[in-house]
Structure formats: C-alpha cells, structure tokens
C-alpha cells in the first residue's frame, strides 16, 4: 500500500512534467527548497524520478532572514537534506526588510524579488538551466481567488504559469511562459496539478520530516486568510472541489491568454506606431474604432506595455475615452509614472511627461506596524503606532484600530477611482470621491489625498473616523497619524 501510494503520486508528477515538456534529458535542475512540506516533497519526488527524466539535481535555498534563528535553522535543515542525498547545495541570504523599505514594497513582495533575483543569477551563470519551485494546485487556487477579488482581468486569472523563461520574465509568480521549444533557462512548477495534502501524505509515507513556518498561520496576511478560512468555507458550503475548479479556470485562462498574445501582436502592427524618440508612440483611432471593445482594451494595454507601462483597467478606459473622438470626451488623460495620452487629429499619442508628472501621479508606500514613512506626494510623514491598553485613554477612540484585523504591513497611497470607505457614524460605505466632495476637497490636493490599506481594505482616510467594525477590543490598539499634522 505504501509503495503504491508513493509511486502513484510520482507517476502523476512524471506524466505532468512530460505532458508540459518541463524537463528534458541532460537538464541541470536546481530544486528550490525552503524546508517546508511542499518543497521538500518536490525534492524527494524529483530524486525518485531523476533516472527516468535523465536530469542532474542540486538544491537551491534562499534565507530571507525574517525569522532570526528559525530562518537559520531552516537553512541548516535544507543543507543537511542536500548532504544526505549527495547533492550540491547553493544558498544565499538577503536583507528583505531593508529591501522592502528602500523599494516601498510589502515584505512578501520584497522577499520574492530577492529570491527570484538569486534564481536568475544561478540560471544566467549556467550553474543550472532549470529551477523547480514547489507551487501546488492549492497555491494556484489561492492566487486565482486573490486576483479575482482584486478585480484582475483574464491575464491575472491565468494564475501561476507552469514554466516561465528567464529571458522574457520579470520573475513574477504568474509571468508569461516562454515560447515553446526555445532552449532558454527557465523556472518550472512541476506540482501545479498536485494538492498540498497529497504531498504531506507522501512525506509521511516516506518518513520524511519538514520545517513549519509559523508565519504561514498569520491571518494578517491575505493569502493565509484565503488558505485557512475562505477556501475551507467554500469547500464546505459551495463546492468540495473548489480548489480544482479554480485551478482549471486558471488553465483555461492561460490557454486563452496565449492565443490572444499572438493575435494582438498582429493587430498591434496595424494600430500602433512607435515614436521616433524613446518614450512615445501613437495609436490609430480609425483602426481602434473598427475593433470590438474586448480587442480595443487588449490593444491599448499592449501598446502601453511596449513602452514599459502597465495599465490598470481604469487607465485603459481613460485611453479609450480619449480615442473615442466623441464631442464630450476628454482630449487627454494622465497615466501612471509620468505618462500622458492625448488625441491629435486621428491619432492618440502616448508621451512621457517627465519627473514633474511623476510627482502628480499615483503613489504607494509600505508602512510597517510600528513604523514611519515619508510620502513626498502628500507632503507628510505617516506613522503607525502600537498603543498599550493602559495608554488608550490618551487617544481619540475614532482613530484607533484593532491590531488583529490588520496586516503587518500597511500601504499608504492616494485614493483611486472606485475606492470605497465606511467611516464610523455613517449608515453605509461611500465612494471616497463622494466623501471628498462633501468636504469640499478640490484641486491637486484631492487627487493625492492619502488613504491607508490593509490587505485589500481601506482602513484609514485622512480626516475621517476609522470604520466601526475595525475599532479595537480590550488590549492594545493601533493608531495611524500624520506626524507633525
């Protein structure tokens, strides 16, 4: 029974690798092992399959230095695992906290950037030509659900790709895959069709231990709330196979995105003319007008990407309004990162407006609890403080928040179209645009009005009481304030 269960899982993984052409004989594969169950199972499975696959294995580990001695113990565990199986061990560490602060990123994003930069160096230095990561079907389902509730388009619903090329990726978890059959070094995900529970059962059958990361149970992280709360409820109350259904949706979306990528490339040749100078280009209004709305949106997004500009849905809609040529339509719009778009005769021109425009565009900064951050666009410094239970009387209760309901890292940004907030003492949530209109906030100050976001929820808006549902219970509280204001 033990052999059959173990071999069945290994065979499924082998079939998946072959079907998706993730590996070929002679590949030098660095297995990314954090020490957790998923990555340890990936290593043991590839060890079992390496003769059939004809590959050479090594172990890759990045120490994020986020949990002190526990992080170092994880590294020691993985190093011992590599030694026991006589595999080369490649490791590196990085100051994730410093990188997050410098780049205004969440700790999770900063950790991923440093980790994947390490992978990239290994691949480009020819130490390995494949790095295998242990993303599972559960990770795929969680990613899809998170992107769905954040308003992602079909590209976001493509989720995590089974393979992505070093040459064409920015090392995002769900980057586009390489063109088939190109001999480029790549990141592969052999376990995307495998459930986490099956991997843990596999390790138990082998008698193989693993390391537990306590932060994976921290419900201040949105992914953990999805993993431990939302998905289990969906399984119990709506669909026992909801994870598989979400993963299948991602697979369908990926295939459609790959198809549209090729089609859009052909349409773009007719609609888009790169400018003679860097940082410019024009879209033909006549070509756009002949296209269905779905194609118009994709062409606009692709045009922006050709300039290195990632456009959100609302920005695409603004460009299309400019391109519509209607008498009442706006003739220009400000895009992120210092770009503008304007209608000129029968063309829509994209232009980089420079540093001055950047100062007037959207902003977003990481704010840790406790911590401070300077926000030049809002001409303010923001602070998040932990207030002990005995000191709460010294603060306005309308400004206090329950720590258990917040993520460890908050984000300070300007409000965006569609944002809603529910101040205490009001009957229902309102669009922030309406709240600012009621306060008669106008001009440039209105566009840059700061809000604080925890996960996907706006928890603080300058000048308004925090939501009643986020008020603290007994014990310590969090207060967000503008220093010197």
Foldseek 3Di string as FASTA:
>chain_A
DLCVLLVVVLVVLVVLCVVVVVAAAAFEEEQEPQQALLSVLVVVSCVVCCVVRNYHYAYEYEQACPPPPLSVVSVVVVVVVRVVVVHHYHYYYDPLVVQCQVVQHDSVVSVQQVRVVVVLVCCVVPVGLEYEYRQALLNQLLQLVLCVVLPHDLLSLLGADQKAFSVPDPRDRRTAHDDPPDSGRIYGYSHHHPDSVSSVVSCVSVVHDGDDDPVLCQVLAVSSCCNPPVVVVCCVPPNVCSSVVSSVSSNVSSVVVVVVVVVLVVLLVVFKDADPDQFKIKGFLVSLVVDPPVSQLVNQQVNCVVNVHHFDPVVSVLQVQCSVPDPPGDQKDQGAPQWIWGDDDRIIMIGRRDDVSNLLHKDKGKQFEAGKDDDVSLRFIKGKYKAWLVRCVVDDLLQWFAPSNAHRIKMKIFDDPPAWFDFPPDDDIDRVVVVCVVVVDDDSNNRGFIFIGGSHHTQGGPPTGGYPVGGHDGTMIMGMDTPPD
